[in-house]
Amino acid sequence: MSPSGWLEGLRRIDIHELDTHNMGSWPPAIKVLVGVLVMILVLALGYSFSTSEVRSRLDLKREEETVLKERFATKARMAANLELYKQQLREMENSFGVLLRQLPSDTEVPGLLEDITRTGLGSGLEFEEIKLLPEVTQPFYIELPIQITVTGAYHDLATFVSGVAGLPRIVTLHDFDLVPANPDGGPKLRMSILAKTYRYNDRGLDQ
């Protein structure tokens, strides 16, 4: 059938007379037209499905590209500041070494007790008790608790606390308890305090 004849056949067809329940009886021109439309629809759906999958993969690759660019920028900054980081690490190691040297060894603890006693007596206090308590082991250091009980005037107690905090070795003060030394009154006060010093636990990493 020529194109002109095919078009003429389409003009003579009344679509209201077509039997939708018996498509086999449709004129050849209508069958061809419906077939072409169905083919176009199938191709359009297939193209849309295939391109949507490609777009999804493309979006995923773009996200991966963004992440990789950020990682590259981070590593580039780190590489540019490598010498600065090395210098900071050396400074931290030096600072850590200074702190370790401030931790007393077992042989230095008696001398620390003497320093605390001398500080208290120099502040005008009277010692009722100063004794070492059992050690407390931590992962990288060992606590050496020292229970201290002294009596004296409020100003002298404050001077003592300030003096202990200023000792060359690291000493922290805890659990303050301040009460009148004499139940009948008077200027003297009794202070109980827990002092803690520390020494390096060289076995901490092996425990």
N, C-alpha and C. Protein backbone atom coordinates (compact mmCIF):
# COMPACT_ATOMS: atom_id res chain seq x y z
N MET A 1 0.86 -1.19 0.00
CA MET A 1 0.00 0.00 0.00
C MET A 1 0.89 1.23 0.00
N SER A 2 0.53 2.17 -0.93
CA SER A 2 1.31 3.40 -1.00
C SER A 2 0.94 4.30 0.17
N PRO A 3 1.84 5.24 0.52
CA PRO A 3 1.53 6.16 1.62
C PRO A 3 0.26 6.95 1.39
N SER A 4 0.04 7.35 0.14
CA SER A 4 -1.17 8.14 -0.11
C SER A 4 -2.41 7.29 0.07
N GLY A 5 -2.32 6.04 -0.37
CA GLY A 5 -3.46 5.15 -0.20
C GLY A 5 -3.71 4.82 1.26
N TRP A 6 -2.58 4.69 2.00
CA TRP A 6 -2.69 4.37 3.45
C TRP A 6 -3.36 5.53 4.18
N LEU A 7 -2.98 6.76 3.83
CA LEU A 7 -3.59 7.93 4.46
C LEU A 7 -5.06 8.07 4.07
N GLU A 8 -5.37 7.73 2.80
CA GLU A 8 -6.76 7.80 2.36
C GLU A 8 -7.61 6.79 3.11
N GLY A 9 -7.01 5.61 3.37
CA GLY A 9 -7.75 4.61 4.14
C GLY A 9 -8.04 5.07 5.55
N LEU A 10 -7.08 5.78 6.14
CA LEU A 10 -7.29 6.29 7.49
C LEU A 10 -8.42 7.32 7.53
N ARG A 11 -8.56 8.13 6.45
CA ARG A 11 -9.60 9.16 6.45
C ARG A 11 -10.99 8.54 6.38
N ARG A 12 -11.10 7.40 5.73
CA ARG A 12 -12.42 6.79 5.56
C ARG A 12 -12.86 6.00 6.79
N ILE A 13 -11.96 5.83 7.76
CA ILE A 13 -12.29 5.01 8.93
C ILE A 13 -12.97 5.87 9.98
N ASP A 14 -14.06 5.37 10.49
CA ASP A 14 -14.76 6.01 11.61
C ASP A 14 -14.36 5.27 12.89
N ILE A 15 -13.64 5.95 13.77
CA ILE A 15 -13.11 5.27 14.97
C ILE A 15 -14.23 4.79 15.88
N HIS A 16 -15.44 5.38 15.73
CA HIS A 16 -16.57 4.93 16.57
C HIS A 16 -17.08 3.57 16.14
N GLU A 17 -16.74 3.15 14.91
CA GLU A 17 -17.19 1.86 14.42
C GLU A 17 -16.20 0.74 14.74
N LEU A 18 -15.07 1.07 15.30
CA LEU A 18 -14.07 0.04 15.62
C LEU A 18 -14.52 -0.77 16.82
N ASP A 19 -14.33 -2.09 16.74
CA ASP A 19 -14.68 -2.99 17.83
C ASP A 19 -13.44 -3.23 18.69
N THR A 20 -13.46 -2.65 19.87
CA THR A 20 -12.28 -2.78 20.74
C THR A 20 -12.11 -4.20 21.27
N HIS A 21 -13.16 -5.02 21.21
CA HIS A 21 -13.08 -6.40 21.68
C HIS A 21 -12.59 -7.35 20.58
N ASN A 22 -12.48 -6.86 19.36
CA ASN A 22 -12.04 -7.70 18.25
C ASN A 22 -11.10 -6.88 17.38
N MET A 23 -9.86 -6.68 17.88
CA MET A 23 -8.89 -5.87 17.15
C MET A 23 -8.46 -6.51 15.84
N GLY A 24 -8.64 -7.82 15.74
CA GLY A 24 -8.24 -8.49 14.50
C GLY A 24 -9.06 -8.06 13.31
N SER A 25 -10.25 -7.53 13.56
CA SER A 25 -11.13 -7.09 12.46
C SER A 25 -10.86 -5.66 12.05
N TRP A 26 -9.92 -5.01 12.70
CA TRP A 26 -9.63 -3.61 12.36
C TRP A 26 -8.98 -3.53 10.98
N PRO A 27 -9.16 -2.43 10.31
CA PRO A 27 -8.51 -2.23 9.01
C PRO A 27 -7.00 -2.24 9.16
N PRO A 28 -6.28 -2.68 8.11
CA PRO A 28 -4.82 -2.73 8.17
C PRO A 28 -4.18 -1.41 8.53
N ALA A 29 -4.71 -0.31 8.04
CA ALA A 29 -4.12 1.01 8.33
C ALA A 29 -4.15 1.30 9.82
N ILE A 30 -5.27 0.95 10.49
CA ILE A 30 -5.39 1.18 11.94
C ILE A 30 -4.42 0.27 12.69
N LYS A 31 -4.32 -0.97 12.23
CA LYS A 31 -3.39 -1.90 12.89
C LYS A 31 -1.96 -1.37 12.83
N VAL A 32 -1.59 -0.88 11.64
CA VAL A 32 -0.23 -0.34 11.49
C VAL A 32 -0.02 0.87 12.39
N LEU A 33 -1.02 1.75 12.43
CA LEU A 33 -0.91 2.95 13.24
C LEU A 33 -0.78 2.60 14.73
N VAL A 34 -1.64 1.67 15.19
CA VAL A 34 -1.57 1.26 16.60
C VAL A 34 -0.23 0.59 16.90
N GLY A 35 0.25 -0.23 15.96
CA GLY A 35 1.55 -0.88 16.18
C GLY A 35 2.67 0.13 16.31
N VAL A 36 2.62 1.16 15.44
CA VAL A 36 3.65 2.20 15.51
C VAL A 36 3.58 2.94 16.84
N LEU A 37 2.35 3.28 17.27
CA LEU A 37 2.20 3.98 18.55
C LEU A 37 2.69 3.14 19.72
N VAL A 38 2.37 1.84 19.70
CA VAL A 38 2.83 0.95 20.78
C VAL A 38 4.35 0.87 20.78
N MET A 39 4.95 0.78 19.57
CA MET A 39 6.40 0.70 19.49
C MET A 39 7.05 1.98 20.03
N ILE A 40 6.47 3.13 19.67
CA ILE A 40 6.99 4.40 20.17
C ILE A 40 6.90 4.46 21.69
N LEU A 41 5.75 3.99 22.25
CA LEU A 41 5.57 4.01 23.70
C LEU A 41 6.60 3.11 24.40
N VAL A 42 6.80 1.90 23.83
CA VAL A 42 7.77 0.97 24.42
C VAL A 42 9.18 1.56 24.37
N LEU A 43 9.53 2.16 23.23
CA LEU A 43 10.85 2.76 23.10
C LEU A 43 11.03 3.92 24.09
N ALA A 44 9.97 4.73 24.24
CA ALA A 44 10.06 5.86 25.15
C ALA A 44 10.25 5.39 26.59
N LEU A 45 9.46 4.36 26.99
CA LEU A 45 9.61 3.84 28.35
C LEU A 45 10.99 3.23 28.57
N GLY A 46 11.47 2.49 27.58
CA GLY A 46 12.79 1.89 27.72
C GLY A 46 13.88 2.93 27.82
N TYR A 47 13.76 3.97 26.99
CA TYR A 47 14.76 5.04 27.04
C TYR A 47 14.74 5.76 28.39
N SER A 48 13.52 6.01 28.89
CA SER A 48 13.41 6.70 30.19
C SER A 48 14.01 5.85 31.31
N PHE A 49 13.74 4.54 31.27
CA PHE A 49 14.27 3.65 32.32
C PHE A 49 15.79 3.59 32.25
N SER A 50 16.32 3.44 31.03
CA SER A 50 17.78 3.32 30.90
C SER A 50 18.49 4.62 31.28
N THR A 51 17.93 5.76 30.89
CA THR A 51 18.57 7.03 31.22
C THR A 51 18.46 7.35 32.71
N SER A 52 17.35 6.93 33.34
CA SER A 52 17.23 7.18 34.79
C SER A 52 18.29 6.40 35.56
N GLU A 53 18.57 5.17 35.11
CA GLU A 53 19.62 4.38 35.76
C GLU A 53 20.98 5.02 35.55
N VAL A 54 21.20 5.52 34.35
CA VAL A 54 22.48 6.19 34.06
C VAL A 54 22.61 7.46 34.90
N ARG A 55 21.52 8.21 35.03
CA ARG A 55 21.55 9.43 35.85
C ARG A 55 21.85 9.11 37.31
N SER A 56 21.25 8.01 37.80
CA SER A 56 21.52 7.62 39.18
C SER A 56 22.99 7.29 39.38
N ARG A 57 23.57 6.54 38.42
CA ARG A 57 24.99 6.22 38.54
C ARG A 57 25.84 7.47 38.43
N LEU A 58 25.41 8.39 37.57
CA LEU A 58 26.16 9.63 37.40
C LEU A 58 26.13 10.46 38.68
N ASP A 59 24.95 10.54 39.34
CA ASP A 59 24.85 11.28 40.60
C ASP A 59 25.74 10.65 41.66
N LEU A 60 25.76 9.30 41.70
CA LEU A 60 26.59 8.60 42.67
C LEU A 60 28.07 8.89 42.43
N LYS A 61 28.48 8.89 41.16
CA LYS A 61 29.87 9.19 40.84
C LYS A 61 30.22 10.62 41.20
N ARG A 62 29.28 11.53 41.02
CA ARG A 62 29.54 12.92 41.39
C ARG A 62 29.73 13.06 42.90
N GLU A 63 28.91 12.34 43.68
CA GLU A 63 29.07 12.37 45.13
C GLU A 63 30.43 11.79 45.53
N GLU A 64 30.81 10.68 44.89
CA GLU A 64 32.12 10.08 45.18
C GLU A 64 33.24 11.06 44.81
N GLU A 65 33.06 11.77 43.71
CA GLU A 65 34.06 12.75 43.30
C GLU A 65 34.21 13.86 44.34
N THR A 66 33.08 14.32 44.89
CA THR A 66 33.11 15.37 45.91
C THR A 66 33.85 14.88 47.16
N VAL A 67 33.54 13.64 47.59
CA VAL A 67 34.21 13.08 48.77
C VAL A 67 35.71 12.95 48.54
N LEU A 68 36.08 12.46 47.35
CA LEU A 68 37.50 12.29 47.04
C LEU A 68 38.23 13.64 46.99
N LYS A 69 37.55 14.65 46.46
CA LYS A 69 38.15 15.99 46.44
C LYS A 69 38.39 16.50 47.85
N GLU A 70 37.40 16.28 48.76
CA GLU A 70 37.56 16.73 50.14
C GLU A 70 38.71 15.99 50.82
N ARG A 71 38.81 14.67 50.58
CA ARG A 71 39.91 13.90 51.16
C ARG A 71 41.25 14.40 50.63
N PHE A 72 41.29 14.65 49.33
CA PHE A 72 42.53 15.14 48.74
C PHE A 72 42.93 16.48 49.34
N ALA A 73 41.93 17.38 49.51
CA ALA A 73 42.23 18.70 50.08
C ALA A 73 42.74 18.57 51.51
N THR A 74 42.11 17.65 52.29
CA THR A 74 42.56 17.44 53.67
C THR A 74 43.99 16.92 53.72
N LYS A 75 44.28 15.92 52.88
CA LYS A 75 45.63 15.36 52.87
C LYS A 75 46.64 16.38 52.35
N ALA A 76 46.21 17.21 51.42
CA ALA A 76 47.12 18.24 50.91
C ALA A 76 47.46 19.24 52.01
N ARG A 77 46.45 19.62 52.81
CA ARG A 77 46.73 20.54 53.93
C ARG A 77 47.65 19.89 54.95
N MET A 78 47.41 18.60 55.24
CA MET A 78 48.27 17.90 56.19
C MET A 78 49.70 17.82 55.67
N ALA A 79 49.84 17.55 54.37
CA ALA A 79 51.19 17.46 53.80
C ALA A 79 51.89 18.81 53.85
N ALA A 80 51.11 19.87 53.61
CA ALA A 80 51.70 21.21 53.64
C ALA A 80 52.14 21.61 55.04
N ASN A 81 51.43 21.07 56.07
CA ASN A 81 51.74 21.43 57.45
C ASN A 81 52.50 20.32 58.18
N LEU A 82 53.10 19.40 57.42
CA LEU A 82 53.77 18.26 58.04
C LEU A 82 54.89 18.70 58.98
N GLU A 83 55.70 19.63 58.54
CA GLU A 83 56.80 20.10 59.38
C GLU A 83 56.28 20.76 60.65
N LEU A 84 55.19 21.50 60.53
CA LEU A 84 54.59 22.14 61.71
C LEU A 84 54.09 21.09 62.69
N TYR A 85 53.45 20.02 62.15
CA TYR A 85 52.97 18.94 63.03
C TYR A 85 54.14 18.25 63.72
N LYS A 86 55.24 18.04 63.00
CA LYS A 86 56.41 17.40 63.61
C LYS A 86 56.96 18.28 64.74
N GLN A 87 57.00 19.57 64.50
CA GLN A 87 57.49 20.48 65.52
C GLN A 87 56.59 20.47 66.75
N GLN A 88 55.27 20.47 66.52
CA GLN A 88 54.34 20.40 67.64
C GLN A 88 54.49 19.09 68.41
N LEU A 89 54.72 17.99 67.69
CA LEU A 89 54.92 16.70 68.34
C LEU A 89 56.17 16.73 69.22
N ARG A 90 57.26 17.32 68.70
CA ARG A 90 58.48 17.42 69.51
C ARG A 90 58.24 18.26 70.76
N GLU A 91 57.48 19.35 70.62
CA GLU A 91 57.18 20.19 71.77
C GLU A 91 56.35 19.44 72.80
N MET A 92 55.38 18.65 72.30
CA MET A 92 54.56 17.85 73.23
C MET A 92 55.40 16.81 73.95
N GLU A 93 56.33 16.17 73.23
CA GLU A 93 57.19 15.18 73.87
C GLU A 93 58.07 15.83 74.93
N ASN A 94 58.57 17.03 74.63
CA ASN A 94 59.38 17.73 75.62
C ASN A 94 58.56 18.10 76.85
N SER A 95 57.32 18.58 76.61
CA SER A 95 56.45 18.95 77.74
C SER A 95 56.11 17.72 78.57
N PHE A 96 55.86 16.59 77.89
CA PHE A 96 55.55 15.37 78.61
C PHE A 96 56.73 14.92 79.44
N GLY A 97 57.93 15.07 78.88
CA GLY A 97 59.11 14.71 79.65
C GLY A 97 59.28 15.57 80.89
N VAL A 98 58.97 16.88 80.77
CA VAL A 98 59.04 17.77 81.93
C VAL A 98 58.06 17.33 83.00
N LEU A 99 56.84 16.97 82.59
CA LEU A 99 55.84 16.52 83.57
C LEU A 99 56.28 15.22 84.24
N LEU A 100 56.86 14.31 83.46
CA LEU A 100 57.32 13.05 84.06
C LEU A 100 58.41 13.30 85.09
N ARG A 101 59.28 14.26 84.81
CA ARG A 101 60.35 14.55 85.77
C ARG A 101 59.80 15.17 87.06
N GLN A 102 58.58 15.71 87.00
CA GLN A 102 57.96 16.28 88.20
C GLN A 102 57.30 15.21 89.07
N LEU A 103 57.18 14.00 88.54
CA LEU A 103 56.59 12.92 89.33
C LEU A 103 57.69 12.30 90.19
N PRO A 104 57.48 12.24 91.51
CA PRO A 104 58.54 11.72 92.37
C PRO A 104 58.70 10.22 92.24
N SER A 105 59.90 9.74 92.46
CA SER A 105 60.14 8.31 92.53
C SER A 105 59.91 7.86 93.98
N ASP A 106 59.98 6.56 94.18
CA ASP A 106 59.77 6.02 95.54
C ASP A 106 60.77 6.63 96.53
N THR A 107 62.01 6.83 96.08
CA THR A 107 63.03 7.34 97.00
C THR A 107 62.83 8.81 97.33
N GLU A 108 62.04 9.53 96.53
CA GLU A 108 61.83 10.96 96.76
C GLU A 108 60.63 11.25 97.65
N VAL A 109 59.82 10.24 97.92
CA VAL A 109 58.61 10.48 98.72
C VAL A 109 58.94 10.95 100.13
N PRO A 110 59.91 10.36 100.83
CA PRO A 110 60.25 10.89 102.16
C PRO A 110 60.64 12.36 102.11
N GLY A 111 61.39 12.74 101.08
CA GLY A 111 61.76 14.14 100.95
C GLY A 111 60.54 15.03 100.72
N LEU A 112 59.53 14.52 100.00
CA LEU A 112 58.30 15.28 99.77
C LEU A 112 57.55 15.46 101.08
N LEU A 113 57.53 14.41 101.91
CA LEU A 113 56.89 14.53 103.22
C LEU A 113 57.60 15.58 104.07
N GLU A 114 58.91 15.61 103.98
CA GLU A 114 59.67 16.63 104.73
C GLU A 114 59.33 18.03 104.23
N ASP A 115 59.19 18.18 102.90
CA ASP A 115 58.83 19.49 102.35
C ASP A 115 57.46 19.93 102.85
N ILE A 116 56.49 18.99 102.88
CA ILE A 116 55.14 19.33 103.35
C ILE A 116 55.20 19.72 104.83
N THR A 117 55.96 18.94 105.61
CA THR A 117 56.06 19.25 107.04
C THR A 117 56.72 20.60 107.26
N ARG A 118 57.80 20.86 106.52
CA ARG A 118 58.49 22.13 106.66
C ARG A 118 57.58 23.31 106.26
N THR A 119 56.77 23.10 105.23
CA THR A 119 55.85 24.16 104.79
C THR A 119 54.82 24.44 105.88
N GLY A 120 54.31 23.36 106.50
CA GLY A 120 53.31 23.55 107.55
C GLY A 120 53.88 24.24 108.78
N LEU A 121 55.05 23.80 109.20
CA LEU A 121 55.67 24.43 110.37
C LEU A 121 56.04 25.87 110.08
N GLY A 122 56.49 26.13 108.83
CA GLY A 122 56.82 27.50 108.46
C GLY A 122 55.60 28.40 108.41
N SER A 123 54.43 27.81 108.26
CA SER A 123 53.18 28.58 108.25
C SER A 123 52.61 28.75 109.65
N GLY A 124 53.30 28.20 110.66
CA GLY A 124 52.83 28.34 112.03
C GLY A 124 51.79 27.31 112.43
N LEU A 125 51.75 26.16 111.76
CA LEU A 125 50.75 25.13 112.06
C LEU A 125 51.34 24.05 112.94
N GLU A 126 50.47 23.32 113.59
CA GLU A 126 50.86 22.14 114.38
C GLU A 126 50.31 20.90 113.68
N PHE A 127 51.17 19.91 113.50
CA PHE A 127 50.75 18.69 112.82
C PHE A 127 50.20 17.69 113.83
N GLU A 128 49.00 17.20 113.57
CA GLU A 128 48.45 16.10 114.36
C GLU A 128 48.66 14.76 113.66
N GLU A 129 48.72 14.81 112.34
CA GLU A 129 48.87 13.57 111.59
C GLU A 129 49.40 13.88 110.19
N ILE A 130 50.33 13.06 109.73
CA ILE A 130 50.75 13.07 108.33
C ILE A 130 51.24 11.66 108.03
N LYS A 131 50.51 10.95 107.18
CA LYS A 131 50.86 9.56 106.91
C LYS A 131 50.50 9.19 105.48
N LEU A 132 51.27 8.26 104.97
CA LEU A 132 51.02 7.74 103.63
C LEU A 132 49.90 6.71 103.67
N LEU A 133 48.99 6.79 102.70
CA LEU A 133 47.92 5.80 102.54
C LEU A 133 48.29 4.84 101.42
N PRO A 134 47.57 3.72 101.29
CA PRO A 134 47.89 2.75 100.22
C PRO A 134 47.85 3.40 98.83
N GLU A 135 48.78 2.97 97.99
CA GLU A 135 48.86 3.50 96.64
C GLU A 135 47.63 3.10 95.81
N VAL A 136 47.30 3.92 94.84
CA VAL A 136 46.20 3.64 93.90
C VAL A 136 46.81 3.61 92.50
N THR A 137 46.78 2.44 91.85
CA THR A 137 47.40 2.27 90.55
C THR A 137 46.44 2.66 89.44
N GLN A 138 46.89 3.55 88.57
CA GLN A 138 46.16 3.96 87.37
C GLN A 138 46.93 3.47 86.14
N PRO A 139 46.33 3.55 84.94
CA PRO A 139 47.01 3.00 83.76
C PRO A 139 48.41 3.56 83.52
N PHE A 140 48.62 4.86 83.70
CA PHE A 140 49.91 5.46 83.36
C PHE A 140 50.62 6.08 84.56
N TYR A 141 50.00 6.10 85.70
CA TYR A 141 50.63 6.67 86.88
C TYR A 141 50.08 5.99 88.13
N ILE A 142 50.75 6.26 89.24
CA ILE A 142 50.34 5.69 90.53
C ILE A 142 50.11 6.84 91.50
N GLU A 143 48.94 6.86 92.12
CA GLU A 143 48.63 7.89 93.11
C GLU A 143 49.24 7.51 94.45
N LEU A 144 49.82 8.52 95.11
CA LEU A 144 50.38 8.32 96.44
C LEU A 144 49.61 9.25 97.40
N PRO A 145 48.53 8.77 98.03
CA PRO A 145 47.74 9.63 98.92
C PRO A 145 48.46 9.86 100.25
N ILE A 146 48.32 11.07 100.75
CA ILE A 146 48.92 11.45 102.04
C ILE A 146 47.83 12.13 102.87
N GLN A 147 47.50 11.52 103.99
CA GLN A 147 46.49 12.12 104.88
C GLN A 147 47.19 13.10 105.83
N ILE A 148 46.67 14.33 105.88
CA ILE A 148 47.29 15.39 106.68
C ILE A 148 46.24 16.00 107.59
N THR A 149 46.56 16.16 108.86
CA THR A 149 45.70 16.87 109.80
C THR A 149 46.56 17.88 110.55
N VAL A 150 46.17 19.15 110.48
CA VAL A 150 46.93 20.23 111.11
C VAL A 150 45.96 21.15 111.83
N THR A 151 46.50 21.92 112.79
CA THR A 151 45.72 22.94 113.49
C THR A 151 46.46 24.27 113.43
N GLY A 152 45.67 25.34 113.38
CA GLY A 152 46.25 26.67 113.34
C GLY A 152 45.19 27.69 112.97
N ALA A 153 45.61 28.92 112.86
CA ALA A 153 44.69 30.00 112.50
C ALA A 153 44.31 29.89 111.02
N TYR A 154 43.20 30.50 110.68
CA TYR A 154 42.68 30.41 109.33
C TYR A 154 43.70 30.93 108.31
N HIS A 155 44.30 32.06 108.62
CA HIS A 155 45.28 32.64 107.70
C HIS A 155 46.47 31.71 107.52
N ASP A 156 46.92 31.06 108.61
CA ASP A 156 48.06 30.14 108.53
C ASP A 156 47.70 28.90 107.69
N LEU A 157 46.47 28.44 107.83
CA LEU A 157 46.03 27.29 107.02
C LEU A 157 46.03 27.64 105.53
N ALA A 158 45.57 28.84 105.20
CA ALA A 158 45.56 29.27 103.80
C ALA A 158 46.98 29.38 103.26
N THR A 159 47.90 29.88 104.10
CA THR A 159 49.30 29.97 103.68
C THR A 159 49.89 28.60 103.42
N PHE A 160 49.54 27.63 104.27
CA PHE A 160 50.03 26.26 104.12
C PHE A 160 49.52 25.64 102.81
N VAL A 161 48.23 25.79 102.54
CA VAL A 161 47.65 25.23 101.31
C VAL A 161 48.33 25.84 100.09
N SER A 162 48.56 27.14 100.11
CA SER A 162 49.23 27.79 98.99
C SER A 162 50.67 27.30 98.84
N GLY A 163 51.35 27.08 99.97
CA GLY A 163 52.73 26.60 99.93
C GLY A 163 52.84 25.20 99.39
N VAL A 164 51.91 24.32 99.78
CA VAL A 164 51.94 22.94 99.27
C VAL A 164 51.67 22.92 97.77
N ALA A 165 50.71 23.74 97.33
CA ALA A 165 50.39 23.79 95.90
C ALA A 165 51.56 24.32 95.09
N GLY A 166 52.46 25.09 95.71
CA GLY A 166 53.59 25.65 95.00
C GLY A 166 54.85 24.83 95.08
N LEU A 167 54.80 23.64 95.66
CA LEU A 167 56.00 22.79 95.73
C LEU A 167 56.45 22.38 94.32
N PRO A 168 57.75 22.13 94.14
CA PRO A 168 58.26 21.76 92.81
C PRO A 168 57.61 20.49 92.26
N ARG A 169 57.31 19.55 93.14
CA ARG A 169 56.66 18.31 92.71
C ARG A 169 55.15 18.51 92.62
N ILE A 170 54.50 17.71 91.74
CA ILE A 170 53.06 17.81 91.56
C ILE A 170 52.35 17.27 92.79
N VAL A 171 51.58 18.11 93.45
CA VAL A 171 50.78 17.72 94.61
C VAL A 171 49.40 18.35 94.45
N THR A 172 48.37 17.51 94.50
CA THR A 172 47.00 18.02 94.44
C THR A 172 46.34 17.80 95.80
N LEU A 173 45.42 18.68 96.14
CA LEU A 173 44.78 18.66 97.46
C LEU A 173 43.30 18.36 97.30
N HIS A 174 42.77 17.47 98.16
CA HIS A 174 41.39 17.00 98.04
C HIS A 174 40.76 16.87 99.44
N ASP A 175 39.43 16.76 99.43
CA ASP A 175 38.65 16.41 100.63
C ASP A 175 38.99 17.30 101.83
N PHE A 176 38.83 18.60 101.67
CA PHE A 176 39.06 19.53 102.78
C PHE A 176 38.01 19.33 103.86
N ASP A 177 38.43 19.36 105.09
CA ASP A 177 37.50 19.31 106.22
C ASP A 177 38.02 20.28 107.28
N LEU A 178 37.25 21.32 107.57
CA LEU A 178 37.70 22.39 108.47
C LEU A 178 36.70 22.53 109.61
N VAL A 179 37.19 22.33 110.84
CA VAL A 179 36.33 22.43 112.03
C VAL A 179 37.11 23.16 113.12
N PRO A 180 36.40 23.70 114.13
CA PRO A 180 37.11 24.32 115.26
C PRO A 180 37.98 23.30 115.99
N ALA A 181 39.20 23.71 116.33
CA ALA A 181 40.10 22.79 117.05
C ALA A 181 39.63 22.57 118.48
N ASN A 182 38.99 23.57 119.07
CA ASN A 182 38.51 23.48 120.45
C ASN A 182 36.99 23.62 120.45
N PRO A 183 36.26 22.62 120.91
CA PRO A 183 34.80 22.73 120.93
C PRO A 183 34.30 23.94 121.71
N ASP A 184 35.09 24.43 122.66
CA ASP A 184 34.67 25.58 123.46
C ASP A 184 34.93 26.90 122.74
N GLY A 185 35.47 26.85 121.55
CA GLY A 185 35.73 28.07 120.81
C GLY A 185 37.20 28.42 120.80
N GLY A 186 37.52 29.50 120.15
CA GLY A 186 38.91 29.92 120.04
C GLY A 186 39.29 30.13 118.58
N PRO A 187 40.42 30.76 118.32
CA PRO A 187 40.79 31.09 116.94
C PRO A 187 41.35 29.91 116.16
N LYS A 188 41.75 28.84 116.84
CA LYS A 188 42.38 27.73 116.13
C LYS A 188 41.34 26.86 115.43
N LEU A 189 41.77 26.38 114.25
CA LEU A 189 40.94 25.48 113.45
C LEU A 189 41.72 24.20 113.18
N ARG A 190 40.96 23.12 112.98
CA ARG A 190 41.59 21.84 112.62
C ARG A 190 41.22 21.54 111.17
N MET A 191 42.22 21.30 110.36
CA MET A 191 41.98 21.00 108.95
C MET A 191 42.51 19.61 108.62
N SER A 192 41.61 18.80 108.07
CA SER A 192 42.02 17.50 107.53
C SER A 192 41.97 17.61 106.01
N ILE A 193 43.01 17.13 105.38
CA ILE A 193 43.11 17.27 103.94
C ILE A 193 43.83 16.05 103.37
N LEU A 194 43.42 15.65 102.19
CA LEU A 194 44.07 14.54 101.51
C LEU A 194 44.92 15.10 100.38
N ALA A 195 46.22 14.95 100.52
CA ALA A 195 47.15 15.37 99.47
C ALA A 195 47.50 14.16 98.61
N LYS A 196 47.59 14.39 97.30
CA LYS A 196 47.97 13.30 96.40
C LYS A 196 49.16 13.74 95.56
N THR A 197 50.19 12.91 95.57
CA THR A 197 51.27 13.09 94.62
C THR A 197 51.29 11.87 93.72
N TYR A 198 52.12 11.87 92.72
CA TYR A 198 52.02 10.86 91.68
C TYR A 198 53.42 10.44 91.24
N ARG A 199 53.52 9.19 90.82
CA ARG A 199 54.74 8.73 90.18
C ARG A 199 54.37 7.94 88.94
N TYR A 200 55.30 7.92 88.02
CA TYR A 200 55.04 7.31 86.72
C TYR A 200 54.92 5.79 86.87
N ASN A 201 53.89 5.23 86.23
CA ASN A 201 53.71 3.78 86.22
C ASN A 201 54.34 3.22 84.95
N ASP A 202 55.62 2.81 85.06
CA ASP A 202 56.31 2.36 83.86
C ASP A 202 55.82 0.99 83.38
N ARG A 203 54.95 0.34 84.16
CA ARG A 203 54.36 -0.95 83.73
C ARG A 203 52.95 -0.79 83.23
N GLY A 204 52.48 0.45 83.13
CA GLY A 204 51.08 0.69 82.79
C GLY A 204 50.68 0.10 81.46
N LEU A 205 51.57 0.17 80.46
CA LEU A 205 51.22 -0.33 79.15
C LEU A 205 51.24 -1.85 79.08
N ASP A 206 51.91 -2.49 80.06
CA ASP A 206 51.99 -3.96 80.04
C ASP A 206 50.89 -4.60 80.85
N GLN A 207 50.10 -3.80 81.57
CA GLN A 207 49.09 -4.40 82.43
C GLN A 207 47.84 -4.71 81.63
